[in-house]
Amino acid sequence: MSISVELCTYPGLDDRIVIVRAGDEVDGVFVRTERFNVLIDTLGTPELCQSALDLLEKKTGKRPLVVVNSHMDWDHFWGNAAIAGKASIVAHAAALERLHDPSALQVLRDKAKEDARFQNVELVGPDITFAGSMSIHGGDLTLELIHTPGHTPDHIAVWIPEVRVCLAVDAVEYPIPEVWSRNSDDLRMLYASLRRIHDLNAEFVIPAHGRTFSPSMVGKNLSYFEGLASRVAALSETQLADPVLSEKSGCRLQDFVPIPDDMPDHLVKFYEQCHATNLGATLQAQVEGTKLE
């Protein structure tokens, strides 16, 4: 599969912030500050990352480059090899645990078998890690790295207070984000992360998927999870035990969020799988008698 990189923006977005779009796969973000150039995520391969760097070259000037890995999902950090030795890579401390888990290498092996463009990918981890939160002070702009777990344990969002922009990455998504597992703890963490992003009162909320920038998407994601919890609370024990509940009328993805008519079938299937995981975590919370917050 061939993917090209382009530089994009959104209406009204500060011109120091550039969307780095790798086709329909993922959006990274480039931020130009007085002191640093910051690249949030290196895309899915070193070749894509290098293409992005080539396109950005006129915008970079002589400022040093800092790279932020939002989390260790393949489409966000497999381009790190293009950066290694040239810039510092920052991530949450939990990213190292994911990187060192045998499953990380297995995902690479599996995808390399499916698509030749992944065959030269080398797993390169961060140089700098932090726990909790961290700030990059660029002079005119500050990038606050906020731990927002739930989608993954290591996930971080980036808040730029001077221009009220939140780079929400995968914590917010159109039409829905996906919880890390069917464990109720992960569900509560993702819901809490969404609440935290919502409470920033951002003017722009930019996820890595879905090509949206409206803060209203955060509220829609919260409403989706709240709707799931309400629906599950009204189910009988027999319904709760149904292994294919996510395919039953009233519990399907389209019963909670509208599915665009032009969404490709493979994406619809992907989000149906995300919904099934979210529903599973909600069912677990119902069994335990716990609430979203």
Protein backbone atom coordinates (compact mmCIF):
# COMPACT_ATOMS: atom_id res chain seq x y z
CA MET A 1 0.00 0.00 0.00
CA SER A 2 1.37 3.38 -1.03
CA ILE A 3 0.88 6.36 1.28
CA SER A 4 2.01 9.93 0.73
CA VAL A 5 2.54 12.70 3.26
CA GLU A 6 1.05 16.16 2.99
CA LEU A 7 1.04 19.24 5.20
CA CYS A 8 -2.41 20.56 6.14
CA THR A 9 -4.16 22.99 8.43
CA TYR A 10 -7.64 23.79 9.70
CA PRO A 11 -9.53 27.09 9.37
CA GLY A 12 -8.36 29.49 12.06
CA LEU A 13 -5.56 27.26 13.36
CA ASP A 14 -2.40 29.14 14.38
CA ASP A 15 0.12 28.97 11.53
CA ARG A 16 2.84 27.72 13.90
CA ILE A 17 0.91 24.43 14.08
CA VAL A 18 0.89 22.18 11.02
CA ILE A 19 -0.97 18.90 10.49
CA VAL A 20 1.35 16.21 9.07
CA ARG A 21 -1.04 13.86 7.28
CA ALA A 22 -0.03 10.35 6.19
CA GLY A 23 -2.94 9.58 3.88
CA ASP A 24 -5.91 8.10 5.72
CA GLU A 25 -3.60 6.32 8.18
CA VAL A 26 -2.73 8.93 10.79
CA ASP A 27 -2.13 12.63 11.44
CA GLY A 28 0.99 13.81 13.21
CA VAL A 29 1.49 17.46 14.20
CA PHE A 30 4.41 19.86 13.83
CA VAL A 31 4.71 22.85 16.16
CA ARG A 32 7.16 25.71 15.54
CA THR A 33 8.21 27.66 18.62
CA GLU A 34 10.87 30.32 19.18
CA ARG A 35 13.27 27.82 20.77
CA PHE A 36 12.33 24.43 19.34
CA ASN A 37 10.60 22.66 16.52
CA VAL A 38 8.43 19.91 17.94
CA LEU A 39 7.10 16.92 15.99
CA ILE A 40 4.31 15.00 17.70
CA ASP A 41 4.52 11.44 16.36
CA THR A 42 6.73 10.08 13.59
CA LEU A 43 4.07 8.24 11.54
CA GLY A 44 4.07 4.57 10.56
CA THR A 45 7.44 4.11 8.83
CA PRO A 46 10.83 5.85 8.72
CA GLU A 47 10.19 6.64 5.06
CA LEU A 48 6.96 8.48 5.89
CA CYS A 49 8.70 10.34 8.69
CA GLN A 50 11.56 11.37 6.40
CA SER A 51 9.05 12.57 3.80
CA ALA A 52 7.44 14.70 6.49
CA LEU A 53 10.80 16.13 7.57
CA ASP A 54 11.65 16.98 3.96
CA LEU A 55 8.35 18.83 3.53
CA LEU A 56 8.87 20.65 6.84
CA GLU A 57 12.45 21.66 6.11
CA LYS A 58 11.54 25.20 5.02
CA LYS A 59 9.61 25.71 8.27
CA THR A 60 12.23 24.31 10.64
CA GLY A 61 14.93 26.96 10.39
CA LYS A 62 17.90 26.35 12.69
CA ARG A 63 15.91 25.48 15.77
CA PRO A 64 16.63 22.12 17.41
CA LEU A 65 14.04 19.40 16.88
CA VAL A 66 12.26 17.65 19.73
CA VAL A 67 10.06 14.63 19.00
CA VAL A 68 7.15 13.54 21.17
CA ASN A 69 5.79 10.01 20.90
CA SER A 70 2.16 10.23 22.01
CA HIS A 71 2.02 6.46 22.59
CA MET A 72 3.48 3.20 21.35
CA ASP A 73 0.87 2.30 18.74
CA TRP A 74 2.60 1.40 15.48
CA ASP A 75 1.14 4.20 13.34
CA HIS A 76 2.44 6.82 15.77
CA PHE A 77 6.05 5.80 16.42
CA TRP A 78 7.38 3.34 13.84
CA GLY A 79 8.96 6.29 12.06
CA ASN A 80 11.34 6.90 14.98
CA ALA A 81 14.33 5.39 13.14
CA ALA A 82 14.37 8.45 10.85
CA ILE A 83 14.92 10.61 13.94
CA ALA A 84 17.31 8.42 15.95
CA GLY A 85 20.58 10.24 16.67
CA LYS A 86 19.25 13.50 15.23
CA ALA A 87 16.78 14.62 17.89
CA SER A 88 15.61 13.70 21.36
CA ILE A 89 12.46 11.58 21.54
CA VAL A 90 10.17 12.13 24.53
CA ALA A 91 7.43 9.77 25.75
CA HIS A 92 5.63 8.75 28.92
CA ALA A 93 7.50 6.24 31.11
CA ALA A 94 4.83 3.60 30.45
CA ALA A 95 5.86 3.66 26.78
CA LEU A 96 9.03 1.73 27.62
CA GLU A 97 7.00 -1.06 29.21
CA ARG A 98 4.97 -1.41 26.03
CA LEU A 99 8.05 -1.23 23.82
CA HIS A 100 9.81 -3.99 25.79
CA ASP A 101 6.78 -6.27 25.79
CA PRO A 102 7.23 -9.17 23.31
CA SER A 103 3.93 -8.25 21.68
CA ALA A 104 5.50 -5.06 20.26
CA LEU A 105 7.91 -7.05 18.11
CA GLN A 106 5.20 -9.54 17.19
CA VAL A 107 2.99 -6.75 15.84
CA LEU A 108 5.88 -5.63 13.65
CA ARG A 109 6.51 -9.14 12.35
CA ASP A 110 2.84 -9.63 11.55
CA LYS A 111 2.47 -6.33 9.72
CA ALA A 112 5.71 -6.86 7.79
CA LYS A 113 4.22 -10.08 6.43
CA GLU A 114 1.11 -8.21 5.33
CA ASP A 115 2.77 -5.16 3.79
CA ALA A 116 6.33 -4.83 2.44
CA ARG A 117 6.61 -1.19 3.53
CA PHE A 118 7.04 -2.36 7.14
CA GLN A 119 9.89 -4.78 6.45
CA ASN A 120 12.61 -2.20 7.14
CA VAL A 121 11.02 -0.78 10.28
CA GLU A 122 13.23 -0.81 13.38
CA LEU A 123 11.65 -0.33 16.79
CA VAL A 124 13.32 2.74 18.28
CA GLY A 125 12.23 3.89 21.73
CA PRO A 126 12.28 7.28 23.45
CA ASP A 127 15.41 8.93 24.86
CA ILE A 128 13.57 10.83 27.58
CA THR A 129 10.60 9.64 29.62
CA PHE A 130 8.49 11.24 32.30
CA ALA A 131 5.74 10.32 34.73
CA GLY A 132 2.64 12.45 35.27
CA SER A 133 3.12 15.53 33.12
CA MET A 134 5.94 17.47 31.47
CA SER A 135 6.24 20.87 29.81
CA ILE A 136 8.31 21.95 26.81
CA HIS A 137 8.88 25.70 27.08
CA GLY A 138 9.34 27.06 23.57
CA GLY A 139 9.37 30.75 24.46
CA ASP A 140 6.25 31.87 22.63
CA LEU A 141 4.43 28.55 22.99
CA THR A 142 4.32 25.96 25.77
CA LEU A 143 3.60 22.32 25.07
CA GLU A 144 2.19 20.63 28.14
CA LEU A 145 2.43 16.85 27.84
CA ILE A 146 -0.48 15.39 29.80
CA HIS A 147 -0.79 11.71 30.68
CA THR A 148 -4.21 10.69 29.32
CA PRO A 149 -4.41 6.89 29.75
CA GLY A 150 -7.31 4.67 28.78
CA HIS A 151 -6.82 4.28 25.06
CA THR A 152 -3.39 2.95 25.99
CA PRO A 153 -1.52 3.00 29.32
CA ASP A 154 1.16 5.35 27.94
CA HIS A 155 -1.03 7.79 26.02
CA ILE A 156 -0.34 11.51 26.27
CA ALA A 157 -2.17 14.53 24.88
CA VAL A 158 -0.51 17.88 24.22
CA TRP A 159 -2.01 21.14 25.47
CA ILE A 160 -0.80 24.45 24.04
CA PRO A 161 -2.41 27.03 26.37
CA GLU A 162 -1.29 30.20 24.57
CA VAL A 163 -3.45 29.31 21.55
CA ARG A 164 -5.92 27.02 23.38
CA VAL A 165 -5.12 24.02 21.19
CA CYS A 166 -5.28 20.43 22.44
CA LEU A 167 -3.60 17.73 20.38
CA ALA A 168 -5.73 14.88 21.68
CA VAL A 169 -4.17 12.17 19.44
CA ASP A 170 -6.18 8.95 20.07
CA ALA A 171 -7.90 9.89 23.33
CA VAL A 172 -10.52 11.65 21.20
CA GLU A 173 -11.65 10.17 17.91
CA TYR A 174 -14.34 10.40 15.26
CA PRO A 175 -16.68 8.62 15.51
CA ILE A 176 -15.47 6.89 18.73
CA PRO A 177 -12.20 6.20 20.56
CA GLU A 178 -11.29 2.70 21.70
CA VAL A 179 -10.53 1.64 25.25
CA TRP A 180 -7.30 -0.32 25.81
CA SER A 181 -9.04 -3.49 26.96
CA ARG A 182 -12.33 -4.85 28.26
CA ASN A 183 -11.15 -4.09 31.78
CA SER A 184 -13.37 -1.58 33.57
CA ASP A 185 -10.33 0.25 34.97
CA ASP A 186 -9.20 1.13 31.45
CA LEU A 187 -12.71 2.36 30.66
CA ARG A 188 -12.74 4.65 33.69
CA MET A 189 -9.29 5.99 32.79
CA LEU A 190 -10.33 6.79 29.22
CA TYR A 191 -13.49 8.50 30.45
CA ALA A 192 -11.44 10.50 32.97
CA SER A 193 -8.98 11.48 30.23
CA LEU A 194 -11.85 12.69 28.05
CA ARG A 195 -13.19 14.72 30.98
CA ARG A 196 -9.75 16.24 31.51
CA ILE A 197 -9.50 17.24 27.85
CA HIS A 198 -13.05 18.60 27.94
CA ASP A 199 -12.25 20.73 30.99
CA LEU A 200 -9.36 22.42 29.18
CA ASN A 201 -11.99 24.43 27.30
CA ALA A 202 -9.89 24.28 24.14
CA GLU A 203 -10.76 26.18 20.98
CA PHE A 204 -9.26 23.42 18.85
CA VAL A 205 -9.20 19.72 19.74
CA ILE A 206 -7.20 17.85 17.12
CA PRO A 207 -7.19 14.03 17.14
CA ALA A 208 -4.94 11.83 15.02
CA HIS A 209 -7.84 10.21 13.19
CA GLY A 210 -11.09 11.51 11.79
CA ARG A 211 -9.94 14.86 10.38
CA THR A 212 -11.86 16.93 12.88
CA PHE A 213 -10.84 19.89 15.03
CA SER A 214 -14.04 20.80 16.83
CA PRO A 215 -14.07 20.71 20.66
CA SER A 216 -17.61 19.32 20.38
CA MET A 217 -16.12 15.94 19.47
CA VAL A 218 -14.98 15.53 23.08
CA GLY A 219 -18.53 15.94 24.33
CA LYS A 220 -19.78 13.50 21.71
CA ASN A 221 -17.23 10.90 22.81
CA LEU A 222 -18.24 11.39 26.45
CA SER A 223 -21.92 11.06 25.52
CA TYR A 224 -21.16 7.84 23.66
CA PHE A 225 -19.64 6.21 26.75
CA GLU A 226 -22.41 7.55 28.97
CA GLY A 227 -24.98 6.16 26.54
CA LEU A 228 -23.26 2.79 26.60
CA ALA A 229 -23.36 2.72 30.41
CA SER A 230 -27.06 3.63 30.47
CA ARG A 231 -27.95 1.00 27.88
CA VAL A 232 -26.02 -1.75 29.65
CA ALA A 233 -27.59 -0.83 33.01
CA ALA A 234 -31.02 -1.53 31.52
CA LEU A 235 -30.18 -5.00 30.17
CA SER A 236 -31.33 -8.29 31.67
CA GLU A 237 -28.88 -10.92 32.92
CA THR A 238 -29.55 -12.98 29.80
CA GLN A 239 -28.73 -10.03 27.55
CA LEU A 240 -25.60 -9.22 29.55
CA ALA A 241 -24.35 -12.75 28.92
CA ASP A 242 -24.84 -12.57 25.13
CA PRO A 243 -21.39 -13.09 23.52
CA VAL A 244 -22.39 -11.09 20.42
CA LEU A 245 -24.28 -8.32 22.19
CA SER A 246 -22.54 -5.64 20.10
CA GLU A 247 -24.32 -7.01 17.01
CA LYS A 248 -27.81 -6.92 18.51
CA SER A 249 -30.28 -4.12 17.81
CA GLY A 250 -30.02 -1.44 20.48
CA CYS A 251 -26.40 -2.27 21.26
CA ARG A 252 -24.77 -1.81 17.85
CA LEU A 253 -22.38 0.99 17.03
CA GLN A 254 -24.97 2.74 14.84
CA ASP A 255 -27.39 2.75 17.77
CA PHE A 256 -25.07 5.17 19.60
CA VAL A 257 -23.36 7.27 16.91
CA PRO A 258 -24.21 8.03 13.27
CA ILE A 259 -22.10 6.21 10.71
CA PRO A 260 -21.29 8.42 7.70
CA ASP A 261 -22.64 7.07 4.42
CA ASP A 262 -19.26 7.59 2.76
CA MET A 263 -17.21 5.79 5.41
CA PRO A 264 -15.33 2.89 3.74
CA ASP A 265 -16.45 -0.60 4.74
CA HIS A 266 -13.09 -1.46 6.30
CA LEU A 267 -13.30 1.57 8.57
CA VAL A 268 -16.86 0.74 9.57
CA LYS A 269 -15.68 -2.75 10.50
CA PHE A 270 -12.75 -1.29 12.45
CA TYR A 271 -14.97 0.99 14.52
CA GLU A 272 -17.44 -1.83 15.10
CA GLN A 273 -14.56 -3.77 16.64
CA CYS A 274 -13.65 -0.73 18.77
CA HIS A 275 -17.27 -0.53 19.88
CA ALA A 276 -17.28 -4.23 20.82
CA THR A 277 -14.26 -3.65 23.07
CA ASN A 278 -15.86 -0.56 24.62
CA LEU A 279 -19.07 -2.49 25.22
CA GLY A 280 -17.12 -5.33 26.82
CA ALA A 281 -15.46 -2.93 29.26
CA THR A 282 -18.84 -1.36 30.04
CA LEU A 283 -20.32 -4.81 30.71
CA GLN A 284 -17.45 -5.53 33.10
CA ALA A 285 -18.11 -2.28 34.94
CA GLN A 286 -21.79 -3.21 35.23
CA VAL A 287 -20.94 -6.64 36.68
CA GLU A 288 -18.63 -5.00 39.22
CA GLY A 289 -21.19 -2.37 40.10
CA THR A 290 -18.80 0.47 39.27
CA LYS A 291 -19.51 3.74 37.46
CA LEU A 292 -17.61 5.77 34.90
CA GLU A 293 -16.66 8.31 37.59
